[in-house]
Structure formats: C-alpha cells, structure tokens
C-alpha cells in the first residue's frame, strides 16, 4: 500500500469511526436477519425449541488492504426443561489499524402466559456480560510520522447489555440497552472529546403473515438504533419471505438502512451532505438441522470509499430440538 493510499485510508477510517462509533463492542449489521437475533438482543437466548450455533464471517471492500472484517460465533439454548436460557458470543472485529475482540455470556428467562398451544404469549428478559479488548496497531505509522510511538496499544473494558422481548402469536418486539455501564473515556471524534458512554438503544418489531394452509409466509420488520453519546440514530426497514419445504425452508429478503444524521463534505460547488444508506439482500436455506445464509450490503451514496459491497456468510446448526409447541408463524420460537 502506497504512502498516499495509507494516509487516505487512515483518514477515511477516522470518518467512519466518527459515524459508526467503533470500539463499541459487537457492531450492529444486518446479520440478525439470518435467524440470529441473539446477536442483538440477549433476551433471545434459549427462546427457540432448538439449541443454536451460528458462525458469521463479514468482509468489506475486497481487494483493499486492512479493509473492515468481522467474525462471530454464538451459541444459545434452554437449560433443560426450565424457563431459563443461556448463551455465549465470541467476536473479532478489524477496522483498518483498529481491532477489537471480545466475549459475552448471557442469561435469559422466559415467562409463559399462554393457556394452550395456539395463543403464544411470552415475555423474556436477558442480561449479557462482556469483556472487550481494543487494539491500535501503530507499527505501520512510523513510515510517515516518526513522532508516533510505533507500538501496538491495547486496553480492555467490561460492560453489560440488558433487554427484553415479547412474542404474541405471530408478532414480536424487542428492546435492548447495549453497553449499560460507563467506562473510562474513549476518543470518539477528531476534536479529541472523550466519553465513557457507549450506550446504544435498540428497538425491534415485526410480524409474520401467511394464509391458512399456505407454504409461504411474509415478515415485515423494523429495527431502530440510537447512540447516546453521539446522538446518532438509524433505522432498518426489512422484509423477508419464507417457503416451507418437506425437510426445511428457503428464505429471502431485503433490508434498507437509513441514517438520520448527515455527514458534510466539500465539492466544487461548496459544502454538501449525505446520509448513510445501505441496501442488503438476504438469501438463505434450512435443511434438517443445518442453515446457510448470505447477505450483500451495498452502500447507496454518491461519495464512497469503494464501490464494492459488504459480503457476509452465516452458517448454522441446530441441536437438541424439541417438538414445536405453538401453532404460529414464529420462526424464532418454533
């Protein structure tokens, strides 16, 4: 990588860090749409009739050195026949010369209000505790700034996420507060303003529709995120469809992410601004106890670092499955 390209890359990563709050723990992408809501909401641990393992790999801007990438592994399930669930998440997130890795452990409890197997009504609470290590690799910076120490700096933080979910027949809603605790200050913008507040609020809701006896079902949903320290927010508008098969199902969908906050930039005609926009198609299949999904995120903005998109693959395995309890279109539960 040439010196000019390195400088441009570092500057661009700084801009992205300002808008998406790097060093906030597990990033919020669209992988939750691949039967992976547990990555966002701790209350989803053990909610299904199956124990679940999910592996994800995400790569941005193929062909560019030090491009952002993310790998996660999660597992969650019920504790025997009880109303409690447990889970664990491990992740590694690299973004230019910054990286973070960590692990979360989760406990969830599910309160059943259903009178029979038809009217599903369940309120769930979940708490995740996580340890995250942040790293900044300055070894390559000596080429263009000898004043920099040129070492790999690192620090660790402990934090917790808390949330609840409610399922009523084909409807669901989730609310989660991520990074509840305030830690020592972390630099969050180019002015050097520090804040230990990395708190993020997440709200999700959706419903699954289908005709009686049909193999097809359709799921519109929304997800809203708000970052407390930077006052940034964005919304995901999602739509998925499912096709039931004898030994599994196929699913496909589309997600549109729109930021409510604009970023300014200079053009020949003056100062302009744009708001972050992503389109993410989703394709997946379940066969017996295995699941595979692929997502591709395309940034629909006029000013971008790279015209390439963001590829992500999810592999899943279900085990210890029990008989479906509820007569509903509720993929996360049945």
Protein backbone atom coordinates (compact mmCIF):
# COMPACT_ATOMS: atom_id res chain seq x y z
CA UNK A 1 0.00 0.00 0.00
CA UNK A 2 1.50 3.38 -1.04
CA UNK A 3 2.03 6.19 1.47
CA UNK A 4 -0.75 8.31 -0.06
CA UNK A 5 -3.17 5.42 -0.01
CA UNK A 6 -2.28 4.66 3.62
CA UNK A 7 -2.92 8.25 4.63
CA UNK A 8 -6.22 8.30 2.75
CA UNK A 9 -7.25 5.02 4.31
CA UNK A 10 -6.47 6.21 7.84
CA UNK A 11 -8.41 9.42 7.26
CA UNK A 12 -11.38 7.53 5.88
CA UNK A 13 -11.39 5.08 8.77
CA UNK A 14 -11.42 8.06 11.14
CA UNK A 15 -14.52 9.40 9.39
CA UNK A 16 -16.22 6.02 9.56
CA UNK A 17 -15.26 5.70 13.22
CA UNK A 18 -16.91 9.03 13.90
CA UNK A 19 -20.18 7.92 12.29
CA UNK A 20 -20.48 4.31 13.43
CA UNK A 21 -18.75 4.59 16.82
CA UNK A 22 -16.04 1.98 16.53
CA UNK A 23 -14.87 0.44 19.79
CA UNK A 24 -18.46 -0.05 20.92
CA UNK A 25 -18.41 -3.84 21.16
CA UNK A 26 -20.12 -6.11 18.68
CA UNK A 27 -21.04 -4.00 15.60
CA UNK A 28 -24.67 -3.73 14.51
CA UNK A 29 -25.00 -5.07 10.99
CA UNK A 30 -27.83 -6.95 9.22
CA UNK A 31 -26.71 -10.45 10.27
CA UNK A 32 -29.55 -10.62 12.79
CA UNK A 33 -31.87 -11.26 9.81
CA UNK A 34 -30.22 -14.66 9.24
CA UNK A 35 -32.01 -16.27 12.22
CA UNK A 36 -29.55 -14.54 14.53
CA UNK A 37 -31.49 -12.07 16.68
CA UNK A 38 -29.50 -13.24 19.70
CA UNK A 39 -26.54 -11.17 18.40
CA UNK A 40 -28.60 -8.03 19.12
CA UNK A 41 -30.90 -8.98 21.97
CA UNK A 42 -29.76 -11.04 24.99
CA UNK A 43 -33.40 -11.86 25.79
CA UNK A 44 -33.41 -14.16 22.74
CA UNK A 45 -31.04 -16.68 24.35
CA UNK A 46 -32.77 -20.04 24.63
CA UNK A 47 -36.07 -18.83 23.22
CA UNK A 48 -36.23 -21.41 20.43
CA UNK A 49 -37.27 -25.04 20.66
CA UNK A 50 -33.72 -25.84 19.39
CA UNK A 51 -30.27 -25.03 20.72
CA UNK A 52 -28.45 -22.99 18.07
CA UNK A 53 -24.89 -22.45 16.90
CA UNK A 54 -24.25 -19.63 14.43
CA UNK A 55 -20.98 -18.66 12.71
CA UNK A 56 -20.70 -15.49 10.65
CA UNK A 57 -17.95 -14.02 8.51
CA UNK A 58 -18.16 -10.49 7.05
CA UNK A 59 -15.70 -8.87 4.65
CA UNK A 60 -15.86 -5.35 3.23
CA UNK A 61 -14.15 -3.91 0.15
CA UNK A 62 -12.47 -6.99 -1.32
CA UNK A 63 -9.03 -6.17 -2.70
CA UNK A 64 -8.26 -3.36 -0.24
CA UNK A 65 -5.65 -3.99 2.41
CA UNK A 66 -6.82 -3.62 6.04
CA UNK A 67 -10.46 -3.40 4.97
CA UNK A 68 -13.04 -3.94 7.75
CA UNK A 69 -13.89 -7.54 8.59
CA UNK A 70 -15.87 -9.28 11.31
CA UNK A 71 -16.16 -12.86 12.56
CA UNK A 72 -18.64 -14.05 15.18
CA UNK A 73 -19.58 -17.31 16.84
CA UNK A 74 -22.67 -17.64 19.02
CA UNK A 75 -24.39 -20.48 20.84
CA UNK A 76 -27.57 -20.40 22.88
CA UNK A 77 -30.20 -22.77 24.23
CA UNK A 78 -32.56 -23.70 27.06
CA UNK A 79 -31.39 -25.09 30.39
CA UNK A 80 -33.12 -28.48 30.31
CA UNK A 81 -36.90 -28.19 30.76
CA UNK A 82 -36.66 -24.92 32.69
CA UNK A 83 -37.81 -21.47 31.64
CA UNK A 84 -34.23 -20.18 31.51
CA UNK A 85 -31.77 -19.93 28.66
CA UNK A 86 -28.04 -19.30 28.37
CA UNK A 87 -25.75 -18.22 25.56
CA UNK A 88 -22.29 -17.07 24.58
CA UNK A 89 -20.94 -14.82 21.82
CA UNK A 90 -17.32 -14.53 20.65
CA UNK A 91 -16.26 -11.98 18.06
CA UNK A 92 -13.28 -10.43 16.31
CA UNK A 93 -13.71 -7.08 14.54
CA UNK A 94 -10.95 -5.41 12.49
CA UNK A 95 -11.26 -1.91 11.03
CA UNK A 96 -8.08 -0.58 9.47
CA UNK A 97 -5.43 -0.33 12.18
CA UNK A 98 -8.06 -0.67 14.92
CA UNK A 99 -9.34 -4.02 16.12
CA UNK A 100 -11.47 -5.33 18.92
CA UNK A 101 -12.25 -8.82 20.14
CA UNK A 102 -14.42 -9.98 22.95
CA UNK A 103 -16.82 -12.45 24.51
CA UNK A 104 -20.27 -12.20 26.07
CA UNK A 105 -22.04 -14.61 28.41
CA UNK A 106 -25.83 -14.41 28.62
CA UNK A 107 -28.61 -15.47 30.94
CA UNK A 108 -32.25 -15.14 29.89
CA UNK A 109 -35.57 -16.03 31.49
CA UNK A 110 -38.83 -16.64 29.63
CA UNK A 111 -42.22 -16.10 31.27
CA UNK A 112 -45.04 -18.02 29.61
CA UNK A 113 -48.57 -16.58 29.65
CA UNK A 114 -50.02 -18.98 27.07
CA UNK A 115 -53.09 -21.01 28.03
CA UNK A 116 -52.62 -23.56 25.22
CA UNK A 117 -50.54 -24.27 22.11
CA UNK A 118 -52.42 -21.74 19.97
CA UNK A 119 -52.10 -18.36 21.65
CA UNK A 120 -48.35 -17.93 22.14
CA UNK A 121 -47.70 -15.19 24.71
CA UNK A 122 -44.20 -14.98 26.17
CA UNK A 123 -42.22 -12.22 27.90
CA UNK A 124 -38.43 -12.68 28.03
CA UNK A 125 -35.64 -10.89 29.88
CA UNK A 126 -31.93 -11.22 29.15
CA UNK A 127 -28.62 -9.96 30.56
CA UNK A 128 -25.24 -10.28 28.84
CA UNK A 129 -21.86 -9.56 30.45
CA UNK A 130 -18.95 -8.96 28.12
CA UNK A 131 -15.20 -8.38 28.18
CA UNK A 132 -13.80 -6.49 25.18
CA UNK A 133 -10.18 -5.82 24.24
CA UNK A 134 -9.37 -2.89 21.96
CA UNK A 135 -6.14 -2.62 19.96
CA UNK A 136 -4.49 0.10 17.87
CA UNK A 137 -1.56 -1.05 15.73
CA UNK A 138 0.79 1.93 15.25
CA UNK A 139 3.73 -0.09 13.89
CA UNK A 140 3.00 0.97 10.29
CA UNK A 141 2.62 4.67 11.17
CA UNK A 142 6.40 5.22 11.56
CA UNK A 143 6.73 5.39 7.76
CA UNK A 144 5.04 8.81 7.68
CA UNK A 145 5.15 10.09 11.30
CA UNK A 146 8.29 9.27 13.35
CA UNK A 147 6.87 11.04 16.41
CA UNK A 148 4.33 8.22 16.89
CA UNK A 149 5.48 5.54 19.32
CA UNK A 150 5.03 2.83 16.71
CA UNK A 151 3.73 0.21 19.14
CA UNK A 152 0.56 -1.82 19.48
CA UNK A 153 -1.61 -0.20 22.12
CA UNK A 154 -4.41 -2.10 23.83
CA UNK A 155 -6.99 -1.69 26.58
CA UNK A 156 -9.88 -3.75 27.95
CA UNK A 157 -13.37 -2.90 29.13
CA UNK A 158 -16.13 -4.79 30.89
CA UNK A 159 -19.74 -4.00 30.07
CA UNK A 160 -23.25 -5.41 30.13
CA UNK A 161 -26.26 -5.48 27.80
CA UNK A 162 -29.84 -5.79 29.05
CA UNK A 163 -33.09 -6.25 27.19
CA UNK A 164 -36.49 -7.85 26.90
CA UNK A 165 -38.61 -9.48 24.19
CA UNK A 166 -42.31 -10.14 23.83
CA UNK A 167 -43.87 -12.71 21.49
CA UNK A 168 -47.61 -12.80 20.90
CA UNK A 169 -48.72 -15.37 18.30
CA UNK A 170 -47.14 -14.04 15.05
CA UNK A 171 -45.99 -10.69 16.49
CA UNK A 172 -42.71 -9.91 18.27
CA UNK A 173 -40.96 -6.90 19.78
CA UNK A 174 -37.51 -6.43 21.35
CA UNK A 175 -35.86 -3.64 23.33
CA UNK A 176 -32.21 -3.70 24.40
CA UNK A 177 -29.72 -1.34 26.01
CA UNK A 178 -26.15 -2.17 24.99
CA UNK A 179 -23.08 -1.05 26.97
CA UNK A 180 -25.09 -0.07 30.04
CA UNK A 181 -22.01 0.76 32.13
CA UNK A 182 -19.80 3.80 31.62
CA UNK A 183 -16.08 3.09 31.44
CA UNK A 184 -13.01 5.31 31.12
CA UNK A 185 -13.11 7.77 28.28
CA UNK A 186 -12.62 6.60 24.70
CA UNK A 187 -11.79 9.09 21.93
CA UNK A 188 -14.89 9.40 19.73
CA UNK A 189 -14.18 12.29 17.37
CA UNK A 190 -11.38 14.30 15.79
CA UNK A 191 -11.71 17.11 18.33
CA UNK A 192 -10.46 14.71 21.00
CA UNK A 193 -13.67 14.72 23.00
CA UNK A 194 -13.69 11.65 25.22
CA UNK A 195 -16.63 9.82 26.66
CA UNK A 196 -17.04 6.59 28.56
CA UNK A 197 -20.64 6.43 27.44
CA UNK A 198 -21.01 3.87 24.63
CA UNK A 199 -24.66 3.19 25.43
CA UNK A 200 -26.82 2.19 22.47
CA UNK A 201 -30.60 1.69 22.50
CA UNK A 202 -32.17 -0.87 20.14
CA UNK A 203 -35.84 -1.37 19.33
CA UNK A 204 -37.10 -4.11 17.01
CA UNK A 205 -40.61 -5.21 15.98
CA UNK A 206 -42.14 -7.41 13.32
CA UNK A 207 -44.96 -9.73 12.35
CA UNK A 208 -45.20 -12.87 10.22
CA UNK A 209 -48.19 -13.18 7.87
CA UNK A 210 -49.47 -16.19 5.93
CA UNK A 211 -52.66 -17.69 4.58
CA UNK A 212 -54.11 -20.79 6.22
CA UNK A 213 -52.59 -23.89 4.65
CA UNK A 214 -50.06 -21.95 2.55
CA UNK A 215 -46.38 -22.88 2.37
CA UNK A 216 -45.49 -19.19 2.07
CA UNK A 217 -45.16 -16.62 4.84
CA UNK A 218 -44.02 -13.00 4.87
CA UNK A 219 -42.29 -11.00 7.60
CA UNK A 220 -42.02 -7.19 7.60
CA UNK A 221 -39.94 -5.77 10.46
CA UNK A 222 -38.20 -2.65 11.74
CA UNK A 223 -35.08 -2.06 13.83
CA UNK A 224 -34.16 1.34 15.31
CA UNK A 225 -30.81 2.20 16.94
CA UNK A 226 -29.81 5.29 18.91
CA UNK A 227 -26.31 6.04 20.25
CA UNK A 228 -26.45 8.05 23.45
CA UNK A 229 -23.05 9.78 23.38
CA UNK A 230 -23.05 10.95 19.75
CA UNK A 231 -26.85 11.32 19.37
CA UNK A 232 -26.67 9.30 16.15
CA UNK A 233 -29.54 7.11 15.03
CA UNK A 234 -30.57 4.89 12.13
CA UNK A 235 -33.41 2.61 11.13
CA UNK A 236 -33.61 -0.71 9.29
CA UNK A 237 -36.72 -1.46 7.23
CA UNK A 238 -36.83 -5.19 6.47
CA UNK A 239 -38.95 -7.63 4.52
CA UNK A 240 -38.47 -11.42 4.41
CA UNK A 241 -40.38 -14.27 2.80
CA UNK A 242 -40.30 -17.97 3.70
CA UNK A 243 -41.09 -21.10 1.65
CA UNK A 244 -41.71 -24.26 3.69
CA UNK A 245 -40.22 -27.48 2.31
CA UNK A 246 -40.50 -31.10 3.41
CA UNK A 247 -37.05 -31.07 5.04
CA UNK A 248 -36.58 -27.37 5.79
CA UNK A 249 -37.29 -23.97 4.32
CA UNK A 250 -35.97 -21.31 1.95
CA UNK A 251 -35.98 -17.62 2.83
CA UNK A 252 -35.15 -14.40 1.03
CA UNK A 253 -35.47 -10.76 1.92
CA UNK A 254 -34.27 -7.19 1.62
CA UNK A 255 -33.16 -4.66 4.24
CA UNK A 256 -32.84 -0.90 3.85
CA UNK A 257 -30.78 1.04 6.42
CA UNK A 258 -31.00 4.82 6.63
CA UNK A 259 -29.13 7.10 8.98
CA UNK A 260 -30.91 10.14 10.38
CA UNK A 261 -27.59 12.02 10.63
CA UNK A 262 -25.76 13.51 7.67
CA UNK A 263 -22.03 13.86 7.01
CA UNK A 264 -20.73 17.02 5.32
CA UNK A 265 -18.12 17.06 2.55
CA UNK A 266 -16.64 19.61 0.16
CA UNK A 267 -17.46 19.68 -3.55
CA UNK A 268 -16.66 22.08 -6.40
CA UNK A 269 -19.95 23.86 -5.74
CA UNK A 270 -19.49 24.15 -1.97
CA UNK A 271 -20.47 22.12 1.07
CA UNK A 272 -22.75 19.12 0.59
CA UNK A 273 -24.00 16.41 2.91
CA UNK A 274 -25.26 12.87 2.63
CA UNK A 275 -26.92 10.34 4.93
CA UNK A 276 -25.70 6.76 5.16
CA UNK A 277 -27.83 4.34 3.14
CA UNK A 278 -27.48 0.57 2.76
CA UNK A 279 -29.44 -1.96 0.74
CA UNK A 280 -28.94 -5.55 1.92
CA UNK A 281 -30.50 -8.54 0.12
CA UNK A 282 -30.67 -11.74 2.17
CA UNK A 283 -30.76 -15.34 0.88
CA UNK A 284 -30.81 -18.48 2.99
CA UNK A 285 -31.88 -22.09 3.38
CA UNK A 286 -32.51 -24.52 6.21
CA UNK A 287 -32.16 -28.26 5.66
CA UNK A 288 -32.74 -30.61 8.58
CA UNK A 289 -30.63 -29.08 11.36
CA UNK A 290 -28.34 -27.02 9.12
CA UNK A 291 -28.67 -23.41 8.00
CA UNK A 292 -26.83 -21.33 5.41
CA UNK A 293 -27.35 -17.66 4.59
CA UNK A 294 -25.67 -14.97 2.51
CA UNK A 295 -26.10 -11.20 2.71
CA UNK A 296 -24.66 -8.48 0.49
CA UNK A 297 -24.76 -4.85 1.64
CA UNK A 298 -24.46 -2.10 -0.95
CA UNK A 299 -23.85 1.48 0.14
CA UNK A 300 -26.11 3.73 -1.93
CA UNK A 301 -24.29 7.04 -1.52
CA UNK A 302 -22.62 9.33 -4.06
CA UNK A 303 -19.39 9.60 -2.02
CA UNK A 304 -17.99 6.21 -1.00
CA UNK A 305 -14.52 4.77 -0.38
CA UNK A 306 -15.11 1.77 -2.62
CA UNK A 307 -17.91 0.74 -4.97
CA UNK A 308 -17.60 -2.83 -3.72
CA UNK A 309 -20.12 -4.14 -1.24
CA UNK A 310 -20.01 -5.98 2.05
CA UNK A 311 -20.27 -9.77 1.86
CA UNK A 312 -21.39 -11.88 4.79
CA UNK A 313 -21.94 -15.62 5.20
CA UNK A 314 -23.75 -17.30 8.09
CA UNK A 315 -23.51 -21.00 8.90
CA UNK A 316 -25.82 -22.53 11.49
CA UNK A 317 -26.51 -25.81 13.23
CA UNK A 318 -29.49 -26.68 15.44
CA UNK A 319 -29.32 -29.46 18.02
CA UNK A 320 -31.30 -30.80 20.95
CA UNK A 321 -34.53 -29.82 19.19
CA UNK A 322 -37.88 -30.41 20.84
CA UNK A 323 -41.32 -30.67 19.32
CA UNK A 324 -42.76 -27.36 18.16
CA UNK A 325 -45.08 -26.11 20.89
CA UNK A 326 -47.02 -23.35 19.23
CA UNK A 327 -49.37 -23.15 16.28
CA UNK A 328 -47.99 -19.86 14.96
CA UNK A 329 -45.73 -18.34 12.33
CA UNK A 330 -42.91 -17.60 14.76
CA UNK A 331 -39.54 -18.67 13.26
CA UNK A 332 -37.57 -17.52 16.30
CA UNK A 333 -39.59 -19.69 18.69
CA UNK A 334 -40.72 -22.81 16.82
